[in-house]
């Protein structure tokens, strides 16, 4: 998914210090697309907290009636320095990327795309989708892995269950279930379903910080009520977390990971380390889609055997919708701080 804001703010992402208690992060609504835009509820990043582990972006959307809003229509757009994680509750999305992967995103199946040094992709809700409902998340790649080659993985986790609960682990490990999907930092991602009146304690890694996004239902996390669409943050140092359900059944996403320990600058769809890097990514994208001049790269991974320049963001087959141009850069220099 692309960040479709026309004036995205520079985000300096810094890991938390693990000293606070449970913290509630409120969503903000961001339109995704044109006049009938599907609205998404964004809880990461924000001023109060920009990272949970290496998770740096979380959009939650739906249930969205595609016939009224047009659904998800995100033509080809670029990414660098991150992995995208797509998880659906209802509906279907067609994924296509410049590394040659073409897949359908379906409920209960995770699609993880690694951007690495650069990739471009599109996401379009399918013609047969009437209701679209799910989440799109990004993971910041650590410095040691952020220039890796682009890639793609698909996995359908088998649910694990007990009295009043069911868990699907799509990244990492939880409740005896282990995902085979590769990540470059220790991470956790799971869907949790809970019936009314259930109280579930989950053992978690003490080195992880965690986030619980409530999609629906009455949920208390370690005794604190978490409203629907909110993301509850739990610092490191916990051996477990307790989820208690009221009268309405709960569906939630549980994410977590070891604090990244690095500062990143995230602007639009790029994750970099400084202003100049992000500016270069934007210039290369605009040149590749024929919107603005030409760019000569000094990245040896983007030079072919005959000295020809290879496109950072790859190529797409003909007949696809026009690519998204990048927004204008901010008027001030982007720089890490904090």
Protein backbone atom coordinates (compact mmCIF):
# COMPACT_ATOMS: atom_id res chain seq x y z
CA UNK A 1 0.00 0.00 0.00
CA UNK A 2 1.14 3.53 -0.74
CA UNK A 3 0.99 6.49 1.58
CA UNK A 4 -1.40 8.59 -0.52
CA UNK A 5 -1.03 11.80 1.49
CA UNK A 6 -0.24 14.70 -0.86
CA UNK A 7 1.99 16.36 1.73
CA UNK A 8 3.48 13.54 3.83
CA UNK A 9 5.42 14.74 6.82
CA UNK A 10 8.94 13.66 7.54
CA UNK A 11 8.89 11.03 10.27
CA UNK A 12 11.91 10.52 12.47
CA UNK A 13 11.50 7.07 13.99
CA UNK A 14 13.12 6.31 17.33
CA UNK A 15 12.68 3.17 19.41
CA UNK A 16 10.92 3.54 22.76
CA UNK A 17 12.81 3.28 26.05
CA UNK A 18 10.50 0.67 27.58
CA UNK A 19 9.82 2.64 30.75
CA UNK A 20 6.13 3.48 30.26
CA UNK A 21 3.02 1.43 31.00
CA UNK A 22 0.25 0.52 28.54
CA UNK A 23 -0.18 3.48 26.19
CA UNK A 24 -3.18 4.08 23.89
CA UNK A 25 -2.50 5.41 20.40
CA UNK A 26 -5.47 6.99 18.64
CA UNK A 27 -6.02 6.51 14.90
CA UNK A 28 -6.20 9.29 12.35
CA UNK A 29 -8.20 8.93 9.13
CA UNK A 30 -6.29 9.17 5.85
CA UNK A 31 -8.07 8.98 2.45
CA UNK A 32 -6.72 6.32 0.11
CA UNK A 33 -7.40 7.43 -3.46
CA UNK A 34 -9.70 9.81 -5.30
CA UNK A 35 -13.04 11.59 -4.69
CA UNK A 36 -14.77 8.49 -3.29
CA UNK A 37 -11.63 7.51 -1.42
CA UNK A 38 -11.60 4.58 0.93
CA UNK A 39 -10.55 5.87 4.33
CA UNK A 40 -7.86 4.11 6.33
CA UNK A 41 -7.24 4.50 10.05
CA UNK A 42 -3.53 5.04 10.72
CA UNK A 43 -2.03 4.36 14.14
CA UNK A 44 1.65 4.16 13.14
CA UNK A 45 3.61 6.35 12.75
CA UNK A 46 2.53 9.26 14.91
CA UNK A 47 4.14 11.92 17.03
CA UNK A 48 3.71 10.05 20.29
CA UNK A 49 5.27 6.83 19.00
CA UNK A 50 6.70 5.95 15.63
CA UNK A 51 8.04 2.42 16.08
CA UNK A 52 7.00 -0.79 17.82
CA UNK A 53 9.98 -3.05 17.35
CA UNK A 54 10.74 -2.54 13.65
CA UNK A 55 7.05 -2.02 12.81
CA UNK A 56 6.87 1.52 11.42
CA UNK A 57 3.47 1.81 9.70
CA UNK A 58 -0.03 0.44 10.37
CA UNK A 59 -3.12 1.21 8.30
CA UNK A 60 -6.44 -0.40 9.30
CA UNK A 61 -9.35 -0.24 6.87
CA UNK A 62 -12.94 -1.42 6.42
CA UNK A 63 -15.36 -2.98 6.46
CA UNK A 64 -15.47 -0.98 3.22
CA UNK A 65 -18.24 -1.44 0.64
CA UNK A 66 -16.29 -1.43 -2.58
CA UNK A 67 -19.31 -0.51 -4.70
CA UNK A 68 -19.63 2.78 -2.81
CA UNK A 69 -15.99 3.81 -2.39
CA UNK A 70 -14.23 2.12 -5.30
CA UNK A 71 -12.26 -0.06 -2.89
CA UNK A 72 -8.49 -0.24 -3.00
CA UNK A 73 -6.99 1.33 -6.11
CA UNK A 74 -3.28 1.92 -5.56
CA UNK A 75 -1.39 1.88 -8.88
CA UNK A 76 2.32 1.23 -9.16
CA UNK A 77 4.39 3.08 -6.55
CA UNK A 78 7.88 2.67 -5.05
CA UNK A 79 9.33 1.50 -1.74
CA UNK A 80 12.81 1.34 -0.23
CA UNK A 81 14.28 0.06 3.02
CA UNK A 82 11.22 -1.79 4.29
CA UNK A 83 8.99 -4.85 4.11
CA UNK A 84 5.23 -4.60 3.51
CA UNK A 85 2.89 -6.99 5.32
CA UNK A 86 -0.66 -7.45 4.00
CA UNK A 87 -3.34 -9.14 6.15
CA UNK A 88 -7.01 -9.33 5.21
CA UNK A 89 -10.16 -10.13 7.18
CA UNK A 90 -12.57 -9.86 4.23
CA UNK A 91 -12.20 -9.40 0.47
CA UNK A 92 -9.38 -9.92 -2.00
CA UNK A 93 -6.53 -7.76 -3.34
CA UNK A 94 -4.40 -8.31 -6.43
CA UNK A 95 -0.68 -7.70 -5.87
CA UNK A 96 1.82 -7.17 -8.68
CA UNK A 97 5.45 -6.05 -8.28
CA UNK A 98 8.51 -5.22 -10.34
CA UNK A 99 10.38 -8.29 -9.07
CA UNK A 100 7.96 -10.40 -11.10
CA UNK A 101 5.58 -11.51 -8.36
CA UNK A 102 1.84 -11.64 -9.02
CA UNK A 103 -0.38 -12.86 -6.18
CA UNK A 104 -3.78 -12.53 -4.56
CA UNK A 105 -4.07 -11.37 -0.97
CA UNK A 106 -6.84 -13.36 0.74
CA UNK A 107 -8.18 -13.53 4.31
CA UNK A 108 -5.98 -15.51 6.65
CA UNK A 109 -2.99 -15.45 4.29
CA UNK A 110 0.00 -13.15 4.74
CA UNK A 111 1.86 -11.59 1.83
CA UNK A 112 5.24 -10.10 2.74
CA UNK A 113 7.10 -8.02 0.16
CA UNK A 114 10.72 -7.01 0.76
CA UNK A 115 11.59 -3.70 -0.88
CA UNK A 116 15.27 -3.73 0.06
CA UNK A 117 17.21 -1.37 -2.20
CA UNK A 118 14.05 -0.72 -4.24
CA UNK A 119 10.85 -2.18 -5.65
CA UNK A 120 7.57 -0.93 -7.09
CA UNK A 121 4.17 -2.59 -6.83
CA UNK A 122 0.44 -2.11 -7.24
CA UNK A 123 -2.53 -3.19 -5.11
CA UNK A 124 -6.04 -3.33 -6.53
CA UNK A 125 -9.15 -4.87 -4.98
CA UNK A 126 -10.48 -7.59 -7.27
CA UNK A 127 -13.67 -7.31 -9.32
CA UNK A 128 -15.48 -9.87 -7.18
CA UNK A 129 -14.76 -8.12 -3.88
CA UNK A 130 -17.84 -6.54 -2.31
CA UNK A 131 -16.45 -5.76 1.16
CA UNK A 132 -12.79 -5.02 1.89
CA UNK A 133 -11.48 -5.19 5.44
CA UNK A 134 -7.95 -5.65 6.73
CA UNK A 135 -4.62 -4.08 7.59
CA UNK A 136 -1.45 -3.01 5.84
CA UNK A 137 1.76 -2.84 7.85
CA UNK A 138 5.37 -1.91 7.13
CA UNK A 139 8.54 -3.14 8.80
CA UNK A 140 11.69 -1.00 8.70
CA UNK A 141 14.74 -2.97 7.60
CA UNK A 142 17.85 -2.61 9.78
CA UNK A 143 20.87 -0.95 8.26
CA UNK A 144 22.58 -4.28 7.61
CA UNK A 145 19.70 -5.53 5.45
CA UNK A 146 18.13 -2.45 3.92
CA UNK A 147 20.02 -2.70 0.60
CA UNK A 148 19.11 -6.35 0.08
CA UNK A 149 17.46 -7.56 -3.14
CA UNK A 150 13.68 -7.32 -3.51
CA UNK A 151 11.65 -10.39 -2.60
CA UNK A 152 8.21 -11.79 -1.82
CA UNK A 153 6.81 -14.50 0.50
CA UNK A 154 3.33 -15.95 0.99
CA UNK A 155 2.13 -18.03 3.94
CA UNK A 156 -1.19 -19.35 5.23
CA UNK A 157 -0.77 -19.99 8.97
CA UNK A 158 -2.68 -22.81 10.59
CA UNK A 159 -4.73 -21.54 13.55
CA UNK A 160 -3.97 -22.64 17.10
CA UNK A 161 -6.83 -22.55 19.55
CA UNK A 162 -8.01 -23.13 23.10
CA UNK A 163 -11.11 -22.45 25.20
CA UNK A 164 -12.63 -19.24 23.78
CA UNK A 165 -9.66 -18.24 21.62
CA UNK A 166 -7.95 -18.73 18.26
CA UNK A 167 -4.62 -17.34 17.05
CA UNK A 168 -3.04 -17.17 13.59
CA UNK A 169 0.68 -16.39 13.71
CA UNK A 170 1.86 -14.88 10.43
CA UNK A 171 5.28 -13.65 11.63
CA UNK A 172 7.49 -14.93 14.44
CA UNK A 173 6.21 -17.32 17.10
CA UNK A 174 3.43 -17.35 19.67
CA UNK A 175 1.32 -19.93 21.50
CA UNK A 176 3.37 -22.79 20.07
CA UNK A 177 2.98 -21.67 16.44
CA UNK A 178 5.99 -20.60 14.35
CA UNK A 179 5.84 -18.77 11.02
CA UNK A 180 8.41 -19.69 8.32
CA UNK A 181 8.31 -16.18 6.82
CA UNK A 182 11.75 -14.52 6.98
CA UNK A 183 12.28 -11.20 8.72
CA UNK A 184 15.51 -9.29 9.30
CA UNK A 185 14.84 -8.39 12.94
CA UNK A 186 13.03 -10.44 15.62
CA UNK A 187 9.30 -9.79 15.06
CA UNK A 188 5.83 -11.01 15.96
CA UNK A 189 2.60 -10.66 13.98
CA UNK A 190 -0.64 -12.51 14.79
CA UNK A 191 -4.41 -12.29 14.47
CA UNK A 192 -6.25 -13.05 17.72
CA UNK A 193 -9.94 -14.04 17.92
CA UNK A 194 -11.62 -14.13 21.34
CA UNK A 195 -15.14 -15.09 22.36
CA UNK A 196 -17.16 -13.10 24.95
CA UNK A 197 -16.05 -13.63 28.53
CA UNK A 198 -12.66 -15.09 27.58
CA UNK A 199 -9.52 -14.17 29.47
CA UNK A 200 -6.31 -15.20 27.74
CA UNK A 201 -2.74 -14.79 28.98
CA UNK A 202 -0.12 -14.99 26.24
CA UNK A 203 3.51 -15.59 27.08
CA UNK A 204 5.67 -13.10 25.15
CA UNK A 205 9.35 -12.34 24.66
CA UNK A 206 10.58 -10.03 27.41
CA UNK A 207 12.91 -8.26 24.96
CA UNK A 208 9.96 -7.30 22.72
CA UNK A 209 7.75 -4.25 22.84
CA UNK A 210 4.21 -5.00 21.66
CA UNK A 211 1.14 -3.40 20.12
CA UNK A 212 -2.46 -4.61 20.14
CA UNK A 213 -4.80 -3.17 17.49
CA UNK A 214 -8.49 -3.78 18.22
CA UNK A 215 -10.47 -4.36 15.05
CA UNK A 216 -13.74 -5.09 16.84
CA UNK A 217 -15.16 -6.01 20.23
CA UNK A 218 -14.75 -5.23 23.94
CA UNK A 219 -11.14 -5.75 24.97
CA UNK A 220 -9.06 -4.94 28.03
CA UNK A 221 -5.28 -5.34 27.82
CA UNK A 222 -3.66 -5.95 31.20
CA UNK A 223 -6.75 -4.39 32.77
CA UNK A 224 -6.91 -1.31 30.53
CA UNK A 225 -9.81 -0.95 28.09
CA UNK A 226 -8.73 -0.56 24.47
CA UNK A 227 -11.31 1.12 22.19
CA UNK A 228 -11.96 -0.20 18.70
CA UNK A 229 -9.47 1.10 16.08
CA UNK A 230 -6.93 2.04 18.78
CA UNK A 231 -3.46 0.61 19.12
CA UNK A 232 -2.31 -0.24 22.64
CA UNK A 233 1.44 -0.14 23.23
CA UNK A 234 3.17 -2.39 25.78
CA UNK A 235 6.85 -1.75 26.62
CA UNK A 236 9.62 -4.30 26.92
CA UNK A 237 10.16 -6.29 30.09
CA UNK A 238 6.86 -8.18 30.17
CA UNK A 239 6.79 -11.98 30.34
CA UNK A 240 3.15 -12.04 29.27
CA UNK A 241 0.11 -9.99 28.40
CA UNK A 242 -3.49 -10.66 29.42
CA UNK A 243 -6.44 -10.09 27.07
CA UNK A 244 -9.91 -9.98 28.67
CA UNK A 245 -13.13 -9.81 26.62
CA UNK A 246 -16.43 -8.22 27.58
CA UNK A 247 -19.82 -8.84 25.96
CA UNK A 248 -18.72 -8.50 22.32
CA UNK A 249 -16.30 -10.94 20.67
CA UNK A 250 -12.89 -9.51 19.80
CA UNK A 251 -10.73 -9.56 16.72
CA UNK A 252 -7.32 -7.98 17.21
CA UNK A 253 -3.85 -7.86 15.70
CA UNK A 254 -0.86 -8.40 17.97
CA UNK A 255 2.47 -7.07 16.74
CA UNK A 256 5.82 -6.92 18.45
CA UNK A 257 9.56 -6.98 18.14
CA UNK A 258 12.87 -6.06 19.67
CA UNK A 259 13.43 -2.28 19.59
CA UNK A 260 15.12 -1.44 16.31
CA UNK A 261 17.85 0.60 17.98
CA UNK A 262 18.31 2.79 14.90
CA UNK A 263 16.92 6.11 13.73
CA UNK A 264 15.18 6.13 10.37
CA UNK A 265 13.73 8.90 8.24
CA UNK A 266 10.44 7.84 6.65
CA UNK A 267 8.90 10.08 3.99
CA UNK A 268 6.13 9.02 1.60
CA UNK A 269 6.96 5.40 0.71
CA UNK A 270 10.67 5.58 1.37
CA UNK A 271 12.63 4.57 4.45
CA UNK A 272 16.14 6.04 4.56
CA UNK A 273 18.73 7.29 6.97
CA UNK A 274 19.12 10.94 5.97
CA UNK A 275 17.68 13.74 3.85
CA UNK A 276 19.95 13.25 0.85
CA UNK A 277 19.12 9.57 0.58
CA UNK A 278 15.37 10.19 0.50
CA UNK A 279 15.79 13.02 -2.03
CA UNK A 280 17.80 10.67 -4.26
CA UNK A 281 15.14 7.95 -4.05
CA UNK A 282 12.45 10.43 -5.05
CA UNK A 283 14.51 11.74 -7.98
CA UNK A 284 15.23 8.24 -9.24
CA UNK A 285 11.55 7.29 -9.08
CA UNK A 286 10.42 10.40 -10.93
CA UNK A 287 13.08 9.83 -13.60
CA UNK A 288 12.14 6.18 -14.01
CA UNK A 289 8.47 6.96 -14.61
CA UNK A 290 9.40 9.73 -17.05
CA UNK A 291 8.13 12.54 -14.85
CA UNK A 292 11.33 14.44 -14.19
CA UNK A 293 14.73 14.31 -15.91
CA UNK A 294 17.32 11.58 -15.57
CA UNK A 295 19.34 10.30 -12.65
CA UNK A 296 22.77 8.73 -12.70
CA UNK A 297 23.29 6.39 -9.78
CA UNK A 298 26.56 5.50 -8.09
CA UNK A 299 25.04 2.36 -6.56
CA UNK A 300 27.08 -0.56 -8.03
CA UNK A 301 24.09 -2.89 -7.57
CA UNK A 302 22.19 -0.76 -10.10
CA UNK A 303 24.78 -0.87 -12.87
CA UNK A 304 24.58 -3.65 -15.45
CA UNK A 305 27.49 -5.68 -16.88
CA UNK A 306 27.81 -3.27 -19.81
CA UNK A 307 27.79 -0.19 -17.61
CA UNK A 308 24.10 0.48 -18.27
CA UNK A 309 21.97 1.93 -15.47
CA UNK A 310 19.42 -0.49 -14.05
CA UNK A 311 16.18 0.98 -12.68
CA UNK A 312 16.14 0.95 -8.87
CA UNK A 313 12.40 0.32 -8.83
CA UNK A 314 12.28 -2.28 -11.61
CA UNK A 315 9.92 -2.49 -14.57
CA UNK A 316 6.24 -3.31 -14.99
CA UNK A 317 4.42 -5.08 -17.83
CA UNK A 318 2.58 -2.84 -20.31
CA UNK A 319 -1.11 -2.09 -19.92
CA UNK A 320 -1.01 -1.33 -16.19
CA UNK A 321 -2.52 1.88 -14.72
CA UNK A 322 -0.16 4.90 -14.74
CA UNK A 323 2.28 4.98 -11.80
CA UNK A 324 1.87 7.35 -8.89
CA UNK A 325 4.13 10.43 -8.99
CA UNK A 326 5.89 11.36 -5.77
CA UNK A 327 4.61 14.33 -3.74
CA UNK A 328 6.68 17.48 -3.48
CA UNK A 329 9.50 17.35 -0.97
CA UNK A 330 9.22 19.32 2.29
CA UNK A 331 10.64 22.85 2.26
CA UNK A 332 13.07 22.10 5.07
CA UNK A 333 15.92 19.65 5.23
CA UNK A 334 14.96 16.31 6.71
CA UNK A 335 17.35 15.27 9.45
CA UNK A 336 17.35 12.69 12.21
CA UNK A 337 16.92 14.03 15.68
CA UNK A 338 15.78 12.93 19.11
